[in-house]
Amino acid sequence: MAGDVGAIVDQYHGDLTRVVFFGEVDPTLHTWLRWTQAAQKKALDAIKVGVPVKELDMIARDALAEHGVADKFTHGLGHGIGLETHEAPSLKAAGADRDTKLAAGMVITIEPGLYQPGLGGVRWEDMVLVLEHGYEKF
């Protein structure tokens, strides 16, 4: 089961997705969750001021491609978040915002996921604040 939750505090939005397995689940999904979390970690490790958002998306896609499942990553890596849940920039290698560079103070989500009709899917999402040197996870 995947849970995508959000909250609004002082007009600012939050966004978080977690996967919890109940009962018997196809072992493929357990593997996909590990790969998704590893892809997220690689993208997080690349967060630096000045990095174009397309690079983060490509890093996550490349990590999933190593396992032959990049075609199952059917959405962008994340999005900006603030006064709305989905704000610019969209973190997608082929998206309109692809050349937007990370700046200190930006709040974005990093949420790789894998999906297959008839099997299910997994997603792991965190919000991060871009800092001068790295990021802070919420």
N, C-alpha and C. Protein backbone atom coordinates (compact mmCIF):
# COMPACT_ATOMS: atom_id res chain seq x y z
N MET A 1 0.84 -1.17 0.00
CA MET A 1 0.00 0.00 0.00
C MET A 1 0.89 1.24 0.00
N ALA A 2 0.56 2.19 -0.84
CA ALA A 2 1.29 3.46 -0.86
C ALA A 2 0.41 4.53 -0.25
N GLY A 3 1.02 5.38 0.52
CA GLY A 3 0.30 6.49 1.11
C GLY A 3 0.95 7.79 0.71
N ASP A 4 0.18 8.66 0.05
CA ASP A 4 0.66 9.98 -0.33
C ASP A 4 -0.10 10.95 0.56
N VAL A 5 0.61 11.61 1.45
CA VAL A 5 -0.04 12.50 2.41
C VAL A 5 0.52 13.91 2.29
N GLY A 6 -0.27 14.84 2.72
CA GLY A 6 0.17 16.22 2.72
C GLY A 6 -0.45 16.96 3.88
N ALA A 7 0.03 18.14 4.11
CA ALA A 7 -0.50 19.00 5.16
C ALA A 7 -0.30 20.44 4.72
N ILE A 8 -1.07 21.32 5.32
CA ILE A 8 -0.90 22.75 5.09
C ILE A 8 -0.71 23.40 6.45
N VAL A 9 0.41 24.08 6.62
CA VAL A 9 0.72 24.79 7.86
C VAL A 9 1.10 26.22 7.50
N ASP A 10 0.41 27.17 8.07
CA ASP A 10 0.68 28.59 7.76
C ASP A 10 0.73 28.83 6.26
N GLN A 11 -0.18 28.24 5.54
CA GLN A 11 -0.36 28.36 4.09
C GLN A 11 0.67 27.59 3.26
N TYR A 12 1.66 26.95 3.89
CA TYR A 12 2.66 26.18 3.14
C TYR A 12 2.28 24.71 3.11
N HIS A 13 2.46 24.10 1.94
CA HIS A 13 2.06 22.72 1.73
C HIS A 13 3.20 21.75 2.00
N GLY A 14 2.81 20.54 2.37
CA GLY A 14 3.75 19.44 2.54
C GLY A 14 3.33 18.28 1.67
N ASP A 15 4.25 17.37 1.39
CA ASP A 15 3.97 16.25 0.50
C ASP A 15 4.94 15.12 0.85
N LEU A 16 4.41 13.94 1.10
CA LEU A 16 5.22 12.79 1.51
C LEU A 16 4.54 11.52 1.02
N THR A 17 5.32 10.60 0.46
CA THR A 17 4.78 9.30 0.06
C THR A 17 5.64 8.21 0.67
N ARG A 18 4.97 7.21 1.22
CA ARG A 18 5.63 6.02 1.77
C ARG A 18 4.90 4.78 1.29
N VAL A 19 5.59 3.66 1.26
CA VAL A 19 5.02 2.38 0.88
C VAL A 19 5.13 1.46 2.08
N VAL A 20 4.01 0.81 2.41
CA VAL A 20 3.98 -0.19 3.47
C VAL A 20 3.33 -1.43 2.88
N PHE A 21 3.95 -2.57 3.05
CA PHE A 21 3.40 -3.80 2.52
C PHE A 21 2.63 -4.55 3.60
N PHE A 22 1.44 -5.05 3.25
CA PHE A 22 0.61 -5.84 4.14
C PHE A 22 0.34 -7.18 3.47
N GLY A 23 0.46 -8.26 4.23
CA GLY A 23 0.16 -9.59 3.70
C GLY A 23 1.14 -10.00 2.62
N GLU A 24 0.66 -10.92 1.77
CA GLU A 24 1.51 -11.43 0.70
C GLU A 24 1.58 -10.42 -0.43
N VAL A 25 2.79 -10.08 -0.81
CA VAL A 25 3.02 -9.11 -1.88
C VAL A 25 4.04 -9.71 -2.83
N ASP A 26 3.85 -9.47 -4.09
CA ASP A 26 4.82 -9.94 -5.07
C ASP A 26 6.21 -9.44 -4.67
N PRO A 27 7.19 -10.34 -4.56
CA PRO A 27 8.54 -9.93 -4.14
C PRO A 27 9.17 -8.88 -5.06
N THR A 28 8.69 -8.80 -6.29
CA THR A 28 9.19 -7.78 -7.21
C THR A 28 9.01 -6.39 -6.61
N LEU A 29 7.89 -6.16 -5.95
CA LEU A 29 7.62 -4.84 -5.38
C LEU A 29 8.59 -4.51 -4.25
N HIS A 30 8.96 -5.51 -3.46
CA HIS A 30 9.96 -5.29 -2.40
C HIS A 30 11.29 -4.86 -3.03
N THR A 31 11.67 -5.55 -4.09
CA THR A 31 12.92 -5.21 -4.80
C THR A 31 12.82 -3.82 -5.39
N TRP A 32 11.71 -3.51 -6.04
CA TRP A 32 11.53 -2.20 -6.63
C TRP A 32 11.61 -1.09 -5.59
N LEU A 33 11.08 -1.34 -4.41
CA LEU A 33 11.15 -0.32 -3.36
C LEU A 33 12.60 -0.04 -2.99
N ARG A 34 13.39 -1.08 -2.83
CA ARG A 34 14.83 -0.88 -2.52
C ARG A 34 15.51 -0.08 -3.63
N TRP A 35 15.23 -0.43 -4.89
CA TRP A 35 15.85 0.28 -6.02
C TRP A 35 15.38 1.73 -6.07
N THR A 36 14.10 1.96 -5.77
CA THR A 36 13.55 3.31 -5.77
C THR A 36 14.21 4.16 -4.69
N GLN A 37 14.37 3.60 -3.50
CA GLN A 37 15.02 4.32 -2.41
C GLN A 37 16.48 4.62 -2.75
N ALA A 38 17.16 3.68 -3.39
CA ALA A 38 18.55 3.90 -3.79
C ALA A 38 18.64 4.99 -4.86
N ALA A 39 17.69 5.01 -5.80
CA ALA A 39 17.66 6.05 -6.83
C ALA A 39 17.41 7.42 -6.20
N GLN A 40 16.54 7.45 -5.21
CA GLN A 40 16.29 8.71 -4.51
C GLN A 40 17.56 9.20 -3.82
N LYS A 41 18.27 8.29 -3.16
CA LYS A 41 19.50 8.66 -2.45
C LYS A 41 20.52 9.25 -3.42
N LYS A 42 20.66 8.64 -4.59
CA LYS A 42 21.61 9.17 -5.58
C LYS A 42 21.22 10.57 -6.03
N ALA A 43 19.93 10.79 -6.24
CA ALA A 43 19.48 12.13 -6.64
C ALA A 43 19.70 13.12 -5.50
N LEU A 44 19.40 12.72 -4.27
CA LEU A 44 19.62 13.61 -3.13
C LEU A 44 21.10 13.98 -3.00
N ASP A 45 21.96 13.01 -3.19
CA ASP A 45 23.40 13.27 -3.07
C ASP A 45 23.91 14.26 -4.11
N ALA A 46 23.16 14.43 -5.20
CA ALA A 46 23.57 15.33 -6.28
C ALA A 46 23.02 16.75 -6.10
N ILE A 47 22.21 16.97 -5.08
CA ILE A 47 21.64 18.30 -4.87
C ILE A 47 22.72 19.29 -4.48
N LYS A 48 22.89 20.30 -5.33
CA LYS A 48 23.85 21.38 -5.09
C LYS A 48 23.33 22.61 -5.80
N VAL A 49 23.56 23.77 -5.24
CA VAL A 49 23.19 25.01 -5.89
C VAL A 49 23.81 25.04 -7.29
N GLY A 50 23.01 25.39 -8.28
CA GLY A 50 23.48 25.50 -9.65
C GLY A 50 23.26 24.27 -10.51
N VAL A 51 22.86 23.15 -9.91
CA VAL A 51 22.62 21.93 -10.68
C VAL A 51 21.27 22.07 -11.40
N PRO A 52 21.22 21.85 -12.72
CA PRO A 52 19.93 21.87 -13.42
C PRO A 52 19.05 20.71 -12.95
N VAL A 53 17.75 20.96 -12.82
CA VAL A 53 16.86 19.93 -12.30
C VAL A 53 16.84 18.69 -13.18
N LYS A 54 17.09 18.85 -14.48
CA LYS A 54 17.09 17.68 -15.37
C LYS A 54 18.17 16.68 -14.95
N GLU A 55 19.28 17.17 -14.39
CA GLU A 55 20.35 16.26 -13.97
C GLU A 55 19.91 15.35 -12.83
N LEU A 56 19.12 15.89 -11.89
CA LEU A 56 18.62 15.05 -10.80
C LEU A 56 17.73 13.94 -11.35
N ASP A 57 16.84 14.31 -12.27
CA ASP A 57 15.95 13.33 -12.88
C ASP A 57 16.76 12.26 -13.62
N MET A 58 17.76 12.69 -14.37
CA MET A 58 18.58 11.74 -15.14
C MET A 58 19.37 10.81 -14.21
N ILE A 59 19.83 11.32 -13.10
CA ILE A 59 20.56 10.49 -12.14
C ILE A 59 19.66 9.38 -11.61
N ALA A 60 18.43 9.72 -11.23
CA ALA A 60 17.49 8.71 -10.74
C ALA A 60 17.15 7.71 -11.84
N ARG A 61 16.91 8.20 -13.05
CA ARG A 61 16.58 7.31 -14.17
C ARG A 61 17.74 6.36 -14.49
N ASP A 62 18.96 6.88 -14.46
CA ASP A 62 20.13 6.04 -14.71
C ASP A 62 20.27 4.96 -13.64
N ALA A 63 20.00 5.32 -12.39
CA ALA A 63 20.08 4.33 -11.31
C ALA A 63 19.07 3.22 -11.52
N LEU A 64 17.88 3.57 -11.99
CA LEU A 64 16.86 2.55 -12.25
C LEU A 64 17.16 1.77 -13.52
N ALA A 65 17.78 2.43 -14.49
CA ALA A 65 18.17 1.76 -15.74
C ALA A 65 19.18 0.66 -15.48
N GLU A 66 20.02 0.83 -14.46
CA GLU A 66 21.00 -0.22 -14.11
C GLU A 66 20.31 -1.54 -13.78
N HIS A 67 19.04 -1.46 -13.37
CA HIS A 67 18.27 -2.66 -13.04
C HIS A 67 17.26 -3.02 -14.13
N GLY A 68 17.30 -2.28 -15.24
CA GLY A 68 16.43 -2.59 -16.37
C GLY A 68 14.98 -2.17 -16.18
N VAL A 69 14.73 -1.20 -15.29
CA VAL A 69 13.34 -0.81 -15.01
C VAL A 69 13.07 0.68 -15.26
N ALA A 70 13.94 1.37 -15.95
CA ALA A 70 13.75 2.80 -16.19
C ALA A 70 12.43 3.08 -16.92
N ASP A 71 11.99 2.14 -17.75
CA ASP A 71 10.73 2.33 -18.48
C ASP A 71 9.52 2.32 -17.56
N LYS A 72 9.69 1.86 -16.33
CA LYS A 72 8.60 1.81 -15.36
C LYS A 72 8.56 3.06 -14.48
N PHE A 73 9.52 3.96 -14.69
CA PHE A 73 9.54 5.26 -14.01
C PHE A 73 8.85 6.23 -14.97
N THR A 74 7.54 6.38 -14.79
CA THR A 74 6.70 7.02 -15.80
C THR A 74 6.35 8.47 -15.50
N HIS A 75 6.94 9.05 -14.49
CA HIS A 75 6.65 10.45 -14.14
C HIS A 75 7.97 11.16 -13.86
N GLY A 76 7.89 12.44 -13.59
CA GLY A 76 9.09 13.19 -13.24
C GLY A 76 9.57 12.85 -11.84
N LEU A 77 10.80 13.25 -11.55
CA LEU A 77 11.41 12.96 -10.26
C LEU A 77 10.78 13.73 -9.12
N GLY A 78 10.21 14.89 -9.40
CA GLY A 78 9.62 15.67 -8.32
C GLY A 78 9.14 17.01 -8.83
N HIS A 79 8.96 17.93 -7.88
CA HIS A 79 8.41 19.24 -8.20
C HIS A 79 8.72 20.21 -7.08
N GLY A 80 8.59 21.49 -7.41
CA GLY A 80 8.67 22.50 -6.37
C GLY A 80 7.43 22.41 -5.50
N ILE A 81 7.52 22.93 -4.29
CA ILE A 81 6.39 22.91 -3.36
C ILE A 81 6.50 24.13 -2.46
N GLY A 82 5.37 24.69 -2.12
CA GLY A 82 5.35 25.89 -1.27
C GLY A 82 3.92 26.28 -0.95
N LEU A 83 3.45 27.36 -1.56
CA LEU A 83 2.07 27.79 -1.34
C LEU A 83 1.07 26.91 -2.08
N GLU A 84 1.58 26.08 -2.99
CA GLU A 84 0.80 25.05 -3.67
C GLU A 84 1.55 23.73 -3.55
N THR A 85 0.85 22.62 -3.65
CA THR A 85 1.51 21.32 -3.56
C THR A 85 2.43 21.09 -4.76
N HIS A 86 1.97 21.46 -5.94
CA HIS A 86 2.78 21.29 -7.14
C HIS A 86 3.10 22.66 -7.72
N GLU A 87 4.35 23.06 -7.59
CA GLU A 87 4.83 24.33 -8.13
C GLU A 87 6.03 24.06 -9.02
N ALA A 88 6.42 25.07 -9.77
CA ALA A 88 7.65 24.98 -10.55
C ALA A 88 8.82 24.99 -9.57
N PRO A 89 9.88 24.32 -9.92
CA PRO A 89 10.09 23.65 -11.19
C PRO A 89 9.63 22.19 -11.15
N SER A 90 9.27 21.68 -12.31
CA SER A 90 9.02 20.26 -12.47
C SER A 90 10.38 19.61 -12.71
N LEU A 91 10.70 18.59 -11.92
CA LEU A 91 12.00 17.93 -12.03
C LEU A 91 11.89 16.77 -13.02
N LYS A 92 11.99 17.09 -14.28
CA LYS A 92 11.87 16.09 -15.34
C LYS A 92 12.86 16.43 -16.45
N ALA A 93 13.64 15.44 -16.86
CA ALA A 93 14.70 15.68 -17.85
C ALA A 93 14.15 16.26 -19.14
N ALA A 94 12.96 15.87 -19.53
CA ALA A 94 12.38 16.36 -20.78
C ALA A 94 11.32 17.43 -20.55
N GLY A 95 11.19 17.93 -19.32
CA GLY A 95 10.16 18.90 -19.00
C GLY A 95 10.53 20.32 -19.36
N ALA A 96 9.54 21.19 -19.33
CA ALA A 96 9.74 22.60 -19.67
C ALA A 96 10.72 23.29 -18.73
N ASP A 97 10.80 22.81 -17.48
CA ASP A 97 11.68 23.44 -16.48
C ASP A 97 13.06 22.79 -16.41
N ARG A 98 13.38 21.92 -17.34
CA ARG A 98 14.58 21.08 -17.26
C ARG A 98 15.88 21.84 -17.03
N ASP A 99 15.98 23.07 -17.52
CA ASP A 99 17.21 23.84 -17.38
C ASP A 99 17.23 24.73 -16.14
N THR A 100 16.15 24.70 -15.36
CA THR A 100 16.12 25.48 -14.12
C THR A 100 17.20 24.95 -13.18
N LYS A 101 17.97 25.87 -12.66
CA LYS A 101 19.07 25.48 -11.75
C LYS A 101 18.62 25.59 -10.30
N LEU A 102 19.06 24.63 -9.49
CA LEU A 102 18.74 24.67 -8.07
C LEU A 102 19.34 25.92 -7.43
N ALA A 103 18.58 26.53 -6.54
CA ALA A 103 19.03 27.72 -5.82
C ALA A 103 18.77 27.51 -4.34
N ALA A 104 19.62 28.08 -3.52
CA ALA A 104 19.43 27.99 -2.07
C ALA A 104 18.05 28.57 -1.73
N GLY A 105 17.35 27.88 -0.87
CA GLY A 105 16.02 28.31 -0.46
C GLY A 105 14.88 27.62 -1.18
N MET A 106 15.17 26.95 -2.30
CA MET A 106 14.13 26.21 -3.01
C MET A 106 13.70 25.02 -2.15
N VAL A 107 12.40 24.72 -2.19
CA VAL A 107 11.89 23.50 -1.57
C VAL A 107 11.33 22.65 -2.69
N ILE A 108 11.82 21.41 -2.78
CA ILE A 108 11.42 20.50 -3.85
C ILE A 108 11.13 19.12 -3.26
N THR A 109 10.44 18.31 -4.05
CA THR A 109 10.26 16.91 -3.68
C THR A 109 11.18 16.06 -4.55
N ILE A 110 11.60 14.94 -3.99
CA ILE A 110 12.36 13.93 -4.74
C ILE A 110 11.58 12.64 -4.55
N GLU A 111 10.95 12.14 -5.65
CA GLU A 111 9.99 11.05 -5.50
C GLU A 111 10.01 10.06 -6.67
N PRO A 112 11.09 9.31 -6.80
CA PRO A 112 11.08 8.29 -7.85
C PRO A 112 10.04 7.22 -7.55
N GLY A 113 9.55 6.60 -8.61
CA GLY A 113 8.57 5.52 -8.46
C GLY A 113 8.61 4.60 -9.65
N LEU A 114 8.16 3.39 -9.43
CA LEU A 114 8.09 2.37 -10.49
C LEU A 114 6.68 1.80 -10.50
N TYR A 115 6.13 1.63 -11.71
CA TYR A 115 4.74 1.19 -11.85
C TYR A 115 4.60 0.21 -13.00
N GLN A 116 3.77 -0.81 -12.77
CA GLN A 116 3.46 -1.76 -13.84
C GLN A 116 2.00 -2.17 -13.70
N PRO A 117 1.18 -1.90 -14.72
CA PRO A 117 -0.22 -2.32 -14.66
C PRO A 117 -0.32 -3.82 -14.39
N GLY A 118 -1.24 -4.18 -13.52
CA GLY A 118 -1.45 -5.58 -13.16
C GLY A 118 -0.57 -6.06 -12.02
N LEU A 119 0.51 -5.34 -11.74
CA LEU A 119 1.40 -5.70 -10.64
C LEU A 119 1.28 -4.69 -9.50
N GLY A 120 1.33 -3.41 -9.84
CA GLY A 120 1.28 -2.37 -8.82
C GLY A 120 2.44 -1.42 -9.00
N GLY A 121 2.77 -0.74 -7.92
CA GLY A 121 3.86 0.21 -8.00
C GLY A 121 4.35 0.63 -6.63
N VAL A 122 5.45 1.35 -6.65
CA VAL A 122 6.06 1.88 -5.43
C VAL A 122 6.54 3.30 -5.72
N ARG A 123 6.52 4.13 -4.69
CA ARG A 123 7.05 5.49 -4.78
C ARG A 123 7.60 5.84 -3.41
N TRP A 124 8.68 6.62 -3.39
CA TRP A 124 9.28 7.06 -2.12
C TRP A 124 9.56 8.56 -2.27
N GLU A 125 8.86 9.37 -1.49
CA GLU A 125 8.93 10.82 -1.66
C GLU A 125 9.32 11.53 -0.37
N ASP A 126 10.24 12.47 -0.51
CA ASP A 126 10.61 13.36 0.58
C ASP A 126 10.67 14.78 0.05
N MET A 127 10.45 15.73 0.95
CA MET A 127 10.64 17.14 0.64
C MET A 127 12.01 17.55 1.15
N VAL A 128 12.68 18.40 0.37
CA VAL A 128 14.00 18.88 0.79
C VAL A 128 14.11 20.38 0.55
N LEU A 129 14.87 21.01 1.41
CA LEU A 129 15.22 22.41 1.27
C LEU A 129 16.63 22.46 0.71
N VAL A 130 16.80 23.13 -0.42
CA VAL A 130 18.12 23.28 -1.03
C VAL A 130 18.90 24.32 -0.22
N LEU A 131 20.08 23.93 0.24
CA LEU A 131 20.95 24.81 1.02
C LEU A 131 22.15 25.23 0.18
N GLU A 132 22.89 26.20 0.66
CA GLU A 132 24.13 26.61 -0.04
C GLU A 132 25.03 25.41 -0.28
N HIS A 133 25.09 24.52 0.68
CA HIS A 133 25.93 23.32 0.58
C HIS A 133 25.10 22.10 0.90
N GLY A 134 24.38 21.60 -0.09
CA GLY A 134 23.61 20.39 0.09
C GLY A 134 22.13 20.65 0.28
N TYR A 135 21.52 19.93 1.20
CA TYR A 135 20.09 20.00 1.40
C TYR A 135 19.75 19.60 2.83
N GLU A 136 18.52 19.92 3.21
CA GLU A 136 17.95 19.46 4.48
C GLU A 136 16.64 18.75 4.15
N LYS A 137 16.50 17.53 4.64
CA LYS A 137 15.27 16.76 4.41
C LYS A 137 14.26 17.11 5.50
N PHE A 138 13.01 17.28 5.09
CA PHE A 138 11.93 17.55 6.05
C PHE A 138 11.36 16.26 6.57
